[in-house]
Amino acid sequence: MHKIKNMKIDISKFGTTLISRPSGKEAFLAFKSNLVNIVKSETIELDFEKISVLAPAWADEFITPLVRIYGKKVLFLNTENPSVQATLNILKKSKES
């Protein structure tokens, strides 16, 4: 039996205050090349541990494309920060509508 592998992304490598749409898009484009190595059984873990501020504009440019491509394989870690929680809820609600 094969162990399911995970790709863990430390979101703080893009900064700890993630606000603007252009910087979110730039972060996604910079990271996109890493996605070619993902195996079908692999999950993508987004780790928000060191994030101070996560704005919906930045998250929409980085997280939304990942979720669009990989769906439920995208997992969210260390989301206790109120800014992170609020932004993820906004993205979830906009996806549902």
PDB file of N, CA and C in Angstrom:
ATOM      1  N   MET A   1       0.841  -1.181   0.000  1.00  0.00           N
ATOM      2  CA  MET A   1       0.000   0.000   0.000  1.00  0.00           C
ATOM      3  C   MET A   1       0.890   1.250   0.000  1.00  0.00           C
ATOM      4  N   HIS A   2       0.569   2.187  -0.866  1.00  0.00           N
ATOM      5  CA  HIS A   2       1.355   3.412  -0.955  1.00  0.00           C
ATOM      6  C   HIS A   2       0.878   4.439   0.063  1.00  0.00           C
ATOM      7  N   LYS A   3       1.812   5.091   0.674  1.00  0.00           N
ATOM      8  CA  LYS A   3       1.488   6.165   1.613  1.00  0.00           C
ATOM      9  C   LYS A   3       1.151   7.421   0.802  1.00  0.00           C
ATOM     10  N   ILE A   4       0.083   8.088   1.184  1.00  0.00           N
ATOM     11  CA  ILE A   4      -0.290   9.320   0.497  1.00  0.00           C
ATOM     12  C   ILE A   4       0.693  10.408   0.898  1.00  0.00           C
ATOM     13  N   LYS A   5       1.261  11.032  -0.105  1.00  0.00           N
ATOM     14  CA  LYS A   5       2.238  12.094   0.154  1.00  0.00           C
ATOM     15  C   LYS A   5       1.513  13.434   0.224  1.00  0.00           C
ATOM     16  N   ASN A   6       2.129  14.371   0.903  1.00  0.00           N
ATOM     17  CA  ASN A   6       1.574  15.708   1.015  1.00  0.00           C
ATOM     18  C   ASN A   6       2.608  16.732   0.581  1.00  0.00           C
ATOM     19  N   MET A   7       2.155  17.726  -0.156  1.00  0.00           N
ATOM     20  CA  MET A   7       3.006  18.866  -0.457  1.00  0.00           C
ATOM     21  C   MET A   7       2.610  19.946   0.546  1.00  0.00           C
ATOM     22  N   LYS A   8       3.526  20.332   1.409  1.00  0.00           N
ATOM     23  CA  LYS A   8       3.232  21.340   2.425  1.00  0.00           C
ATOM     24  C   LYS A   8       3.807  22.675   1.980  1.00  0.00           C
ATOM     25  N   ILE A   9       2.959  23.690   1.985  1.00  0.00           N
ATOM     26  CA  ILE A   9       3.370  25.035   1.584  1.00  0.00           C
ATOM     27  C   ILE A   9       3.308  25.943   2.804  1.00  0.00           C
ATOM     28  N   ASP A  10       4.464  26.437   3.215  1.00  0.00           N
ATOM     29  CA  ASP A  10       4.531  27.410   4.301  1.00  0.00           C
ATOM     30  C   ASP A  10       4.187  28.761   3.672  1.00  0.00           C
ATOM     31  N   ILE A  11       2.970  29.213   3.886  1.00  0.00           N
ATOM     32  CA  ILE A  11       2.486  30.437   3.248  1.00  0.00           C
ATOM     33  C   ILE A  11       3.335  31.649   3.645  1.00  0.00           C
ATOM     34  N   SER A  12       3.959  31.599   4.827  1.00  0.00           N
ATOM     35  CA  SER A  12       4.753  32.750   5.273  1.00  0.00           C
ATOM     36  C   SER A  12       5.997  32.978   4.409  1.00  0.00           C
ATOM     37  N   LYS A  13       6.336  32.024   3.553  1.00  0.00           N
ATOM     38  CA  LYS A  13       7.489  32.272   2.674  1.00  0.00           C
ATOM     39  C   LYS A  13       7.170  33.369   1.653  1.00  0.00           C
ATOM     40  N   PHE A  14       5.899  33.718   1.528  1.00  0.00           N
ATOM     41  CA  PHE A  14       5.489  34.820   0.653  1.00  0.00           C
ATOM     42  C   PHE A  14       5.337  36.120   1.436  1.00  0.00           C
ATOM     43  N   GLY A  15       5.550  36.050   2.764  1.00  0.00           N
ATOM     44  CA  GLY A  15       5.402  37.205   3.650  1.00  0.00           C
ATOM     45  C   GLY A  15       4.442  36.862   4.770  1.00  0.00           C
ATOM     46  N   THR A  16       4.378  37.710   5.777  1.00  0.00           N
ATOM     47  CA  THR A  16       3.457  37.453   6.890  1.00  0.00           C
ATOM     48  C   THR A  16       2.228  38.354   6.840  1.00  0.00           C
ATOM     49  N   THR A  17       2.294  39.402   6.039  1.00  0.00           N
ATOM     50  CA  THR A  17       1.158  40.289   5.821  1.00  0.00           C
ATOM     51  C   THR A  17       0.841  40.226   4.334  1.00  0.00           C
ATOM     52  N   LEU A  18      -0.167  39.437   3.996  1.00  0.00           N
ATOM     53  CA  LEU A  18      -0.506  39.156   2.603  1.00  0.00           C
ATOM     54  C   LEU A  18      -1.796  39.893   2.253  1.00  0.00           C
ATOM     55  N   ILE A  19      -1.646  40.964   1.494  1.00  0.00           N
ATOM     56  CA  ILE A  19      -2.779  41.861   1.304  1.00  0.00           C
ATOM     57  C   ILE A  19      -3.215  42.025  -0.151  1.00  0.00           C
ATOM     58  N   SER A  20      -2.298  42.381  -1.023  1.00  0.00           N
ATOM     59  CA  SER A  20      -2.714  42.835  -2.352  1.00  0.00           C
ATOM     60  C   SER A  20      -2.941  41.713  -3.358  1.00  0.00           C
ATOM     61  N   ARG A  21      -3.863  41.970  -4.247  1.00  0.00           N
ATOM     62  CA  ARG A  21      -4.171  41.042  -5.333  1.00  0.00           C
ATOM     63  C   ARG A  21      -2.945  40.807  -6.224  1.00  0.00           C
ATOM     64  N   PRO A  22      -2.211  41.872  -6.629  1.00  0.00           N
ATOM     65  CA  PRO A  22      -1.024  41.640  -7.471  1.00  0.00           C
ATOM     66  C   PRO A  22       0.023  40.749  -6.801  1.00  0.00           C
ATOM     67  N   SER A  23       0.250  40.924  -5.496  1.00  0.00           N
ATOM     68  CA  SER A  23       1.262  40.082  -4.840  1.00  0.00           C
ATOM     69  C   SER A  23       0.762  38.642  -4.689  1.00  0.00           C
ATOM     70  N   GLY A  24      -0.540  38.450  -4.536  1.00  0.00           N
ATOM     71  CA  GLY A  24      -1.101  37.098  -4.484  1.00  0.00           C
ATOM     72  C   GLY A  24      -0.947  36.396  -5.821  1.00  0.00           C
ATOM     73  N   LYS A  25      -1.205  37.134  -6.883  1.00  0.00           N
ATOM     74  CA  LYS A  25      -1.062  36.564  -8.228  1.00  0.00           C
ATOM     75  C   LYS A  25       0.404  36.230  -8.510  1.00  0.00           C
ATOM     76  N   GLU A  26       1.289  37.133  -8.118  1.00  0.00           N
ATOM     77  CA  GLU A  26       2.726  36.917  -8.305  1.00  0.00           C
ATOM     78  C   GLU A  26       3.189  35.686  -7.523  1.00  0.00           C
ATOM     79  N   ALA A  27       2.696  35.525  -6.294  1.00  0.00           N
ATOM     80  CA  ALA A  27       3.061  34.365  -5.469  1.00  0.00           C
ATOM     81  C   ALA A  27       2.584  33.072  -6.129  1.00  0.00           C
ATOM     82  N   PHE A  28       1.350  33.074  -6.652  1.00  0.00           N
ATOM     83  CA  PHE A  28       0.838  31.876  -7.305  1.00  0.00           C
ATOM     84  C   PHE A  28       1.648  31.530  -8.550  1.00  0.00           C
ATOM     85  N   LEU A  29       1.942  32.535  -9.363  1.00  0.00           N
ATOM     86  CA  LEU A  29       2.721  32.282 -10.578  1.00  0.00           C
ATOM     87  C   LEU A  29       4.122  31.765 -10.250  1.00  0.00           C
ATOM     88  N   ALA A  30       4.717  32.299  -9.189  1.00  0.00           N
ATOM     89  CA  ALA A  30       6.044  31.851  -8.773  1.00  0.00           C
ATOM     90  C   ALA A  30       5.995  30.409  -8.262  1.00  0.00           C
ATOM     91  N   PHE A  31       4.923  30.057  -7.602  1.00  0.00           N
ATOM     92  CA  PHE A  31       4.805  28.725  -7.018  1.00  0.00           C
ATOM     93  C   PHE A  31       4.305  27.681  -8.016  1.00  0.00           C
ATOM     94  N   LYS A  32       3.604  28.114  -9.034  1.00  0.00           N
ATOM     95  CA  LYS A  32       2.930  27.225  -9.984  1.00  0.00           C
ATOM     96  C   LYS A  32       3.831  26.127 -10.551  1.00  0.00           C
ATOM     97  N   SER A  33       5.096  26.428 -10.779  1.00  0.00           N
ATOM     98  CA  SER A  33       6.002  25.426 -11.350  1.00  0.00           C
ATOM     99  C   SER A  33       6.176  24.216 -10.429  1.00  0.00           C
ATOM    100  N   ASN A  34       5.979  24.393  -9.131  1.00  0.00           N
ATOM    101  CA  ASN A  34       6.073  23.271  -8.187  1.00  0.00           C
ATOM    102  C   ASN A  34       4.912  22.297  -8.318  1.00  0.00           C
ATOM    103  N   LEU A  35       3.830  22.747  -8.921  1.00  0.00           N
ATOM    104  CA  LEU A  35       2.635  21.918  -9.006  1.00  0.00           C
ATOM    105  C   LEU A  35       2.754  20.806 -10.042  1.00  0.00           C
ATOM    106  N   VAL A  36       3.684  20.927 -10.966  1.00  0.00           N
ATOM    107  CA  VAL A  36       3.820  19.886 -11.993  1.00  0.00           C
ATOM    108  C   VAL A  36       4.292  18.563 -11.399  1.00  0.00           C
ATOM    109  N   ASN A  37       4.878  18.592 -10.224  1.00  0.00           N
ATOM    110  CA  ASN A  37       5.390  17.379  -9.584  1.00  0.00           C
ATOM    111  C   ASN A  37       4.375  16.672  -8.692  1.00  0.00           C
ATOM    112  N   ILE A  38       3.161  17.199  -8.613  1.00  0.00           N
ATOM    113  CA  ILE A  38       2.163  16.610  -7.718  1.00  0.00           C
ATOM    114  C   ILE A  38       1.631  15.305  -8.305  1.00  0.00           C
ATOM    115  N   VAL A  39       1.590  14.291  -7.438  1.00  0.00           N
ATOM    116  CA  VAL A  39       1.049  12.989  -7.810  1.00  0.00           C
ATOM    117  C   VAL A  39      -0.457  13.013  -7.524  1.00  0.00           C
ATOM    118  N   LYS A  40      -1.221  12.184  -8.240  1.00  0.00           N
ATOM    119  CA  LYS A  40      -2.678  12.186  -8.068  1.00  0.00           C
ATOM    120  C   LYS A  40      -3.128  11.978  -6.629  1.00  0.00           C
ATOM    121  N   SER A  41      -2.416  11.144  -5.889  1.00  0.00           N
ATOM    122  CA  SER A  41      -2.825  10.840  -4.520  1.00  0.00           C
ATOM    123  C   SER A  41      -2.343  11.880  -3.504  1.00  0.00           C
ATOM    124  N   GLU A  42      -1.560  12.826  -3.952  1.00  0.00           N
ATOM    125  CA  GLU A  42      -0.951  13.801  -3.046  1.00  0.00           C
ATOM    126  C   GLU A  42      -1.925  14.926  -2.684  1.00  0.00           C
ATOM    127  N   THR A  43      -1.828  15.372  -1.435  1.00  0.00           N
ATOM    128  CA  THR A  43      -2.613  16.531  -1.015  1.00  0.00           C
ATOM    129  C   THR A  43      -1.699  17.746  -0.945  1.00  0.00           C
ATOM    130  N   ILE A  44      -2.316  18.919  -0.953  1.00  0.00           N
ATOM    131  CA  ILE A  44      -1.577  20.175  -0.837  1.00  0.00           C
ATOM    132  C   ILE A  44      -1.987  20.806   0.488  1.00  0.00           C
ATOM    133  N   GLU A  45      -1.030  20.943   1.396  1.00  0.00           N
ATOM    134  CA  GLU A  45      -1.306  21.522   2.707  1.00  0.00           C
ATOM    135  C   GLU A  45      -0.807  22.955   2.739  1.00  0.00           C
ATOM    136  N   LEU A  46      -1.726  23.878   2.963  1.00  0.00           N
ATOM    137  CA  LEU A  46      -1.372  25.294   3.087  1.00  0.00           C
ATOM    138  C   LEU A  46      -1.255  25.603   4.575  1.00  0.00           C
ATOM    139  N   ASP A  47      -0.046  25.962   5.012  1.00  0.00           N
ATOM    140  CA  ASP A  47       0.220  26.208   6.426  1.00  0.00           C
ATOM    141  C   ASP A  47       0.275  27.717   6.694  1.00  0.00           C
ATOM    142  N   PHE A  48      -0.666  28.181   7.518  1.00  0.00           N
ATOM    143  CA  PHE A  48      -0.800  29.617   7.809  1.00  0.00           C
ATOM    144  C   PHE A  48      -0.215  29.991   9.175  1.00  0.00           C
ATOM    145  N   GLU A  49       0.641  29.159   9.734  1.00  0.00           N
ATOM    146  CA  GLU A  49       1.127  29.341  11.105  1.00  0.00           C
ATOM    147  C   GLU A  49       1.701  30.729  11.389  1.00  0.00           C
ATOM    148  N   LYS A  50       2.527  31.263  10.530  1.00  0.00           N
ATOM    149  CA  LYS A  50       3.226  32.526  10.820  1.00  0.00           C
ATOM    150  C   LYS A  50       2.564  33.744  10.179  1.00  0.00           C
ATOM    151  N   ILE A  51       1.354  33.579   9.680  1.00  0.00           N
ATOM    152  CA  ILE A  51       0.673  34.676   8.986  1.00  0.00           C
ATOM    153  C   ILE A  51       0.034  35.641   9.987  1.00  0.00           C
ATOM    154  N   SER A  52       0.301  36.940   9.806  1.00  0.00           N
ATOM    155  CA  SER A  52      -0.323  37.972  10.647  1.00  0.00           C
ATOM    156  C   SER A  52      -1.633  38.438  10.030  1.00  0.00           C
ATOM    157  N   VAL A  53      -1.589  38.746   8.730  1.00  0.00           N
ATOM    158  CA  VAL A  53      -2.774  39.249   8.024  1.00  0.00           C
ATOM    159  C   VAL A  53      -2.895  38.528   6.687  1.00  0.00           C
ATOM    160  N   LEU A  54      -4.095  38.022   6.421  1.00  0.00           N
ATOM    161  CA  LEU A  54      -4.394  37.409   5.133  1.00  0.00           C
ATOM    162  C   LEU A  54      -5.640  38.083   4.590  1.00  0.00           C
ATOM    163  N   ALA A  55      -5.478  38.875   3.544  1.00  0.00           N
ATOM    164  CA  ALA A  55      -6.595  39.601   2.952  1.00  0.00           C
ATOM    165  C   ALA A  55      -7.261  38.752   1.862  1.00  0.00           C
ATOM    166  N   PRO A  56      -8.576  38.931   1.686  1.00  0.00           N
ATOM    167  CA  PRO A  56      -9.291  38.182   0.650  1.00  0.00           C
ATOM    168  C   PRO A  56      -8.714  38.374  -0.753  1.00  0.00           C
ATOM    169  N   ALA A  57      -8.221  39.557  -1.064  1.00  0.00           N
ATOM    170  CA  ALA A  57      -7.680  39.809  -2.411  1.00  0.00           C
ATOM    171  C   ALA A  57      -6.470  38.920  -2.682  1.00  0.00           C
ATOM    172  N   TRP A  58      -5.530  38.850  -1.740  1.00  0.00           N
ATOM    173  CA  TRP A  58      -4.339  38.005  -1.908  1.00  0.00           C
ATOM    174  C   TRP A  58      -4.751  36.541  -1.994  1.00  0.00           C
ATOM    175  N   ALA A  59      -5.604  36.129  -1.058  1.00  0.00           N
ATOM    176  CA  ALA A  59      -6.026  34.724  -0.994  1.00  0.00           C
ATOM    177  C   ALA A  59      -6.770  34.302  -2.254  1.00  0.00           C
ATOM    178  N   ASP A  60      -7.568  35.200  -2.806  1.00  0.00           N
ATOM    179  CA  ASP A  60      -8.321  34.876  -4.026  1.00  0.00           C
ATOM    180  C   ASP A  60      -7.379  34.576  -5.187  1.00  0.00           C
ATOM    181  N   GLU A  61      -6.270  35.278  -5.243  1.00  0.00           N
ATOM    182  CA  GLU A  61      -5.306  35.067  -6.327  1.00  0.00           C
ATOM    183  C   GLU A  61      -4.438  33.827  -6.113  1.00  0.00           C
ATOM    184  N   PHE A  62      -4.210  33.436  -4.867  1.00  0.00           N
ATOM    185  CA  PHE A  62      -3.333  32.282  -4.594  1.00  0.00           C
ATOM    186  C   PHE A  62      -4.131  31.005  -4.302  1.00  0.00           C
ATOM    187  N   ILE A  63      -5.102  31.099  -3.413  1.00  0.00           N
ATOM    188  CA  ILE A  63      -5.824  29.908  -2.964  1.00  0.00           C
ATOM    189  C   ILE A  63      -6.897  29.466  -3.958  1.00  0.00           C
ATOM    190  N   THR A  64      -7.651  30.408  -4.500  1.00  0.00           N
ATOM    191  CA  THR A  64      -8.750  30.055  -5.402  1.00  0.00           C
ATOM    192  C   THR A  64      -8.293  29.211  -6.589  1.00  0.00           C
ATOM    193  N   PRO A  65      -7.189  29.572  -7.274  1.00  0.00           N
ATOM    194  CA  PRO A  65      -6.759  28.705  -8.385  1.00  0.00           C
ATOM    195  C   PRO A  65      -6.356  27.296  -7.919  1.00  0.00           C
ATOM    196  N   LEU A  66      -5.735  27.196  -6.750  1.00  0.00           N
ATOM    197  CA  LEU A  66      -5.360  25.875  -6.225  1.00  0.00           C
ATOM    198  C   LEU A  66      -6.602  25.022  -5.976  1.00  0.00           C
ATOM    199  N   VAL A  67      -7.608  25.624  -5.351  1.00  0.00           N
ATOM    200  CA  VAL A  67      -8.835  24.889  -5.039  1.00  0.00           C
ATOM    201  C   VAL A  67      -9.580  24.549  -6.339  1.00  0.00           C
ATOM    202  N   ARG A  68      -9.546  25.447  -7.304  1.00  0.00           N
ATOM    203  CA  ARG A  68     -10.200  25.186  -8.590  1.00  0.00           C
ATOM    204  C   ARG A  68      -9.578  23.963  -9.275  1.00  0.00           C
ATOM    205  N   ILE A  69      -8.263  23.838  -9.191  1.00  0.00           N
ATOM    206  CA  ILE A  69      -7.551  22.737  -9.846  1.00  0.00           C
ATOM    207  C   ILE A  69      -7.591  21.450  -9.017  1.00  0.00           C
ATOM    208  N   TYR A  70      -7.354  21.564  -7.703  1.00  0.00           N
ATOM    209  CA  TYR A  70      -7.165  20.377  -6.871  1.00  0.00           C
ATOM    210  C   TYR A  70      -8.315  20.079  -5.910  1.00  0.00           C
ATOM    211  N   GLY A  71      -9.282  20.963  -5.820  1.00  0.00           N
ATOM    212  CA  GLY A  71     -10.472  20.711  -5.014  1.00  0.00           C
ATOM    213  C   GLY A  71     -10.184  20.347  -3.572  1.00  0.00           C
ATOM    214  N   LYS A  72     -10.771  19.235  -3.127  1.00  0.00           N
ATOM    215  CA  LYS A  72     -10.674  18.811  -1.723  1.00  0.00           C
ATOM    216  C   LYS A  72      -9.284  18.312  -1.337  1.00  0.00           C
ATOM    217  N   LYS A  73      -8.371  18.242  -2.292  1.00  0.00           N
ATOM    218  CA  LYS A  73      -6.998  17.844  -1.981  1.00  0.00           C
ATOM    219  C   LYS A  73      -6.227  18.993  -1.331  1.00  0.00           C
ATOM    220  N   VAL A  74      -6.804  20.208  -1.355  1.00  0.00           N
ATOM    221  CA  VAL A  74      -6.166  21.363  -0.720  1.00  0.00           C
ATOM    222  C   VAL A  74      -6.632  21.408   0.739  1.00  0.00           C
ATOM    223  N   LEU A  75      -5.675  21.291   1.650  1.00  0.00           N
ATOM    224  CA  LEU A  75      -5.970  21.295   3.079  1.00  0.00           C
ATOM    225  C   LEU A  75      -5.385  22.551   3.715  1.00  0.00           C
ATOM    226  N   PHE A  76      -6.028  23.022   4.781  1.00  0.00           N
ATOM    227  CA  PHE A  76      -5.619  24.254   5.446  1.00  0.00           C
ATOM    228  C   PHE A  76      -5.155  23.937   6.861  1.00  0.00           C
ATOM    229  N   LEU A  77      -3.921  24.343   7.192  1.00  0.00           N
ATOM    230  CA  LEU A  77      -3.337  24.082   8.508  1.00  0.00           C
ATOM    231  C   LEU A  77      -3.109  25.388   9.257  1.00  0.00           C
ATOM    232  N   ASN A  78      -3.208  25.320  10.582  1.00  0.00           N
ATOM    233  CA  ASN A  78      -2.929  26.475  11.460  1.00  0.00           C
ATOM    234  C   ASN A  78      -3.727  27.703  11.048  1.00  0.00           C
ATOM    235  N   THR A  79      -5.039  27.549  11.045  1.00  0.00           N
ATOM    236  CA  THR A  79      -5.932  28.629  10.607  1.00  0.00           C
ATOM    237  C   THR A  79      -6.600  29.348  11.782  1.00  0.00           C
ATOM    238  N   GLU A  80      -5.985  29.291  12.963  1.00  0.00           N
ATOM    239  CA  GLU A  80      -6.595  29.886  14.159  1.00  0.00           C
ATOM    240  C   GLU A  80      -6.629  31.411  14.122  1.00  0.00           C
ATOM    241  N   ASN A  81      -5.715  32.028  13.379  1.00  0.00           N
ATOM    242  CA  ASN A  81      -5.651  33.483  13.280  1.00  0.00           C
ATOM    243  C   ASN A  81      -6.994  34.014  12.743  1.00  0.00           C
ATOM    244  N   PRO A  82      -7.607  35.001  13.440  1.00  0.00           N
ATOM    245  CA  PRO A  82      -8.903  35.538  12.992  1.00  0.00           C
ATOM    246  C   PRO A  82      -8.884  36.083  11.560  1.00  0.00           C
ATOM    247  N   SER A  83      -7.775  36.673  11.156  1.00  0.00           N
ATOM    248  CA  SER A  83      -7.667  37.201   9.796  1.00  0.00           C
ATOM    249  C   SER A  83      -7.722  36.061   8.776  1.00  0.00           C
ATOM    250  N   VAL A  84      -7.029  34.985   9.060  1.00  0.00           N
ATOM    251  CA  VAL A  84      -7.021  33.817   8.178  1.00  0.00           C
ATOM    252  C   VAL A  84      -8.412  33.182   8.147  1.00  0.00           C
ATOM    253  N   GLN A  85      -9.028  33.019   9.315  1.00  0.00           N
ATOM    254  CA  GLN A  85     -10.364  32.417   9.393  1.00  0.00           C
ATOM    255  C   GLN A  85     -11.384  33.232   8.595  1.00  0.00           C
ATOM    256  N   ALA A  86     -11.367  34.545   8.781  1.00  0.00           N
ATOM    257  CA  ALA A  86     -12.327  35.407   8.091  1.00  0.00           C
ATOM    258  C   ALA A  86     -12.147  35.327   6.574  1.00  0.00           C
ATOM    259  N   THR A  87     -10.901  35.361   6.132  1.00  0.00           N
ATOM    260  CA  THR A  87     -10.630  35.314   4.692  1.00  0.00           C
ATOM    261  C   THR A  87     -11.036  33.977   4.097  1.00  0.00           C
ATOM    262  N   LEU A  88     -10.720  32.882   4.762  1.00  0.00           N
ATOM    263  CA  LEU A  88     -11.111  31.567   4.246  1.00  0.00           C
ATOM    264  C   LEU A  88     -12.625  31.428   4.193  1.00  0.00           C
ATOM    265  N   ASN A  89     -13.327  32.001   5.175  1.00  0.00           N
ATOM    266  CA  ASN A  89     -14.798  31.980   5.150  1.00  0.00           C
ATOM    267  C   ASN A  89     -15.339  32.785   3.985  1.00  0.00           C
ATOM    268  N   ILE A  90     -14.738  33.926   3.703  1.00  0.00           N
ATOM    269  CA  ILE A  90     -15.161  34.759   2.563  1.00  0.00           C
ATOM    270  C   ILE A  90     -14.978  33.985   1.258  1.00  0.00           C
ATOM    271  N   LEU A  91     -13.816  33.341   1.098  1.00  0.00           N
ATOM    272  CA  LEU A  91     -13.568  32.563  -0.123  1.00  0.00           C
ATOM    273  C   LEU A  91     -14.566  31.409  -0.246  1.00  0.00           C
ATOM    274  N   LYS A  92     -14.846  30.760   0.855  1.00  0.00           N
ATOM    275  CA  LYS A  92     -15.787  29.640   0.841  1.00  0.00           C
ATOM    276  C   LYS A  92     -17.181  30.117   0.426  1.00  0.00           C
ATOM    277  N   LYS A  93     -17.620  31.233   0.994  1.00  0.00           N
ATOM    278  CA  LYS A  93     -18.949  31.763   0.673  1.00  0.00           C
ATOM    279  C   LYS A  93     -19.025  32.209  -0.779  1.00  0.00           C
ATOM    280  N   SER A  94     -17.966  32.829  -1.293  1.00  0.00           N
ATOM    281  CA  SER A  94     -17.993  33.292  -2.686  1.00  0.00           C
ATOM    282  C   SER A  94     -17.982  32.107  -3.653  1.00  0.00           C
ATOM    283  N   LYS A  95     -17.381  31.003  -3.249  1.00  0.00           N
ATOM    284  CA  LYS A  95     -17.356  29.793  -4.070  1.00  0.00           C
ATOM    285  C   LYS A  95     -18.734  29.160  -4.120  1.00  0.00           C
ATOM    286  N   GLU A  96     -19.470  29.256  -3.003  1.00  0.00           N
ATOM    287  CA  GLU A  96     -20.811  28.653  -2.916  1.00  0.00           C
ATOM    288  C   GLU A  96     -21.851  29.431  -3.703  1.00  0.00           C
ATOM    289  N   SER A  97     -21.618  30.724  -3.909  1.00  0.00           N
ATOM    290  CA  SER A  97     -22.633  31.530  -4.599  1.00  0.00           C
ATOM    291  C   SER A  97     -22.442  31.571  -6.090  1.00  0.00           C
TER     292      SER A  97
END
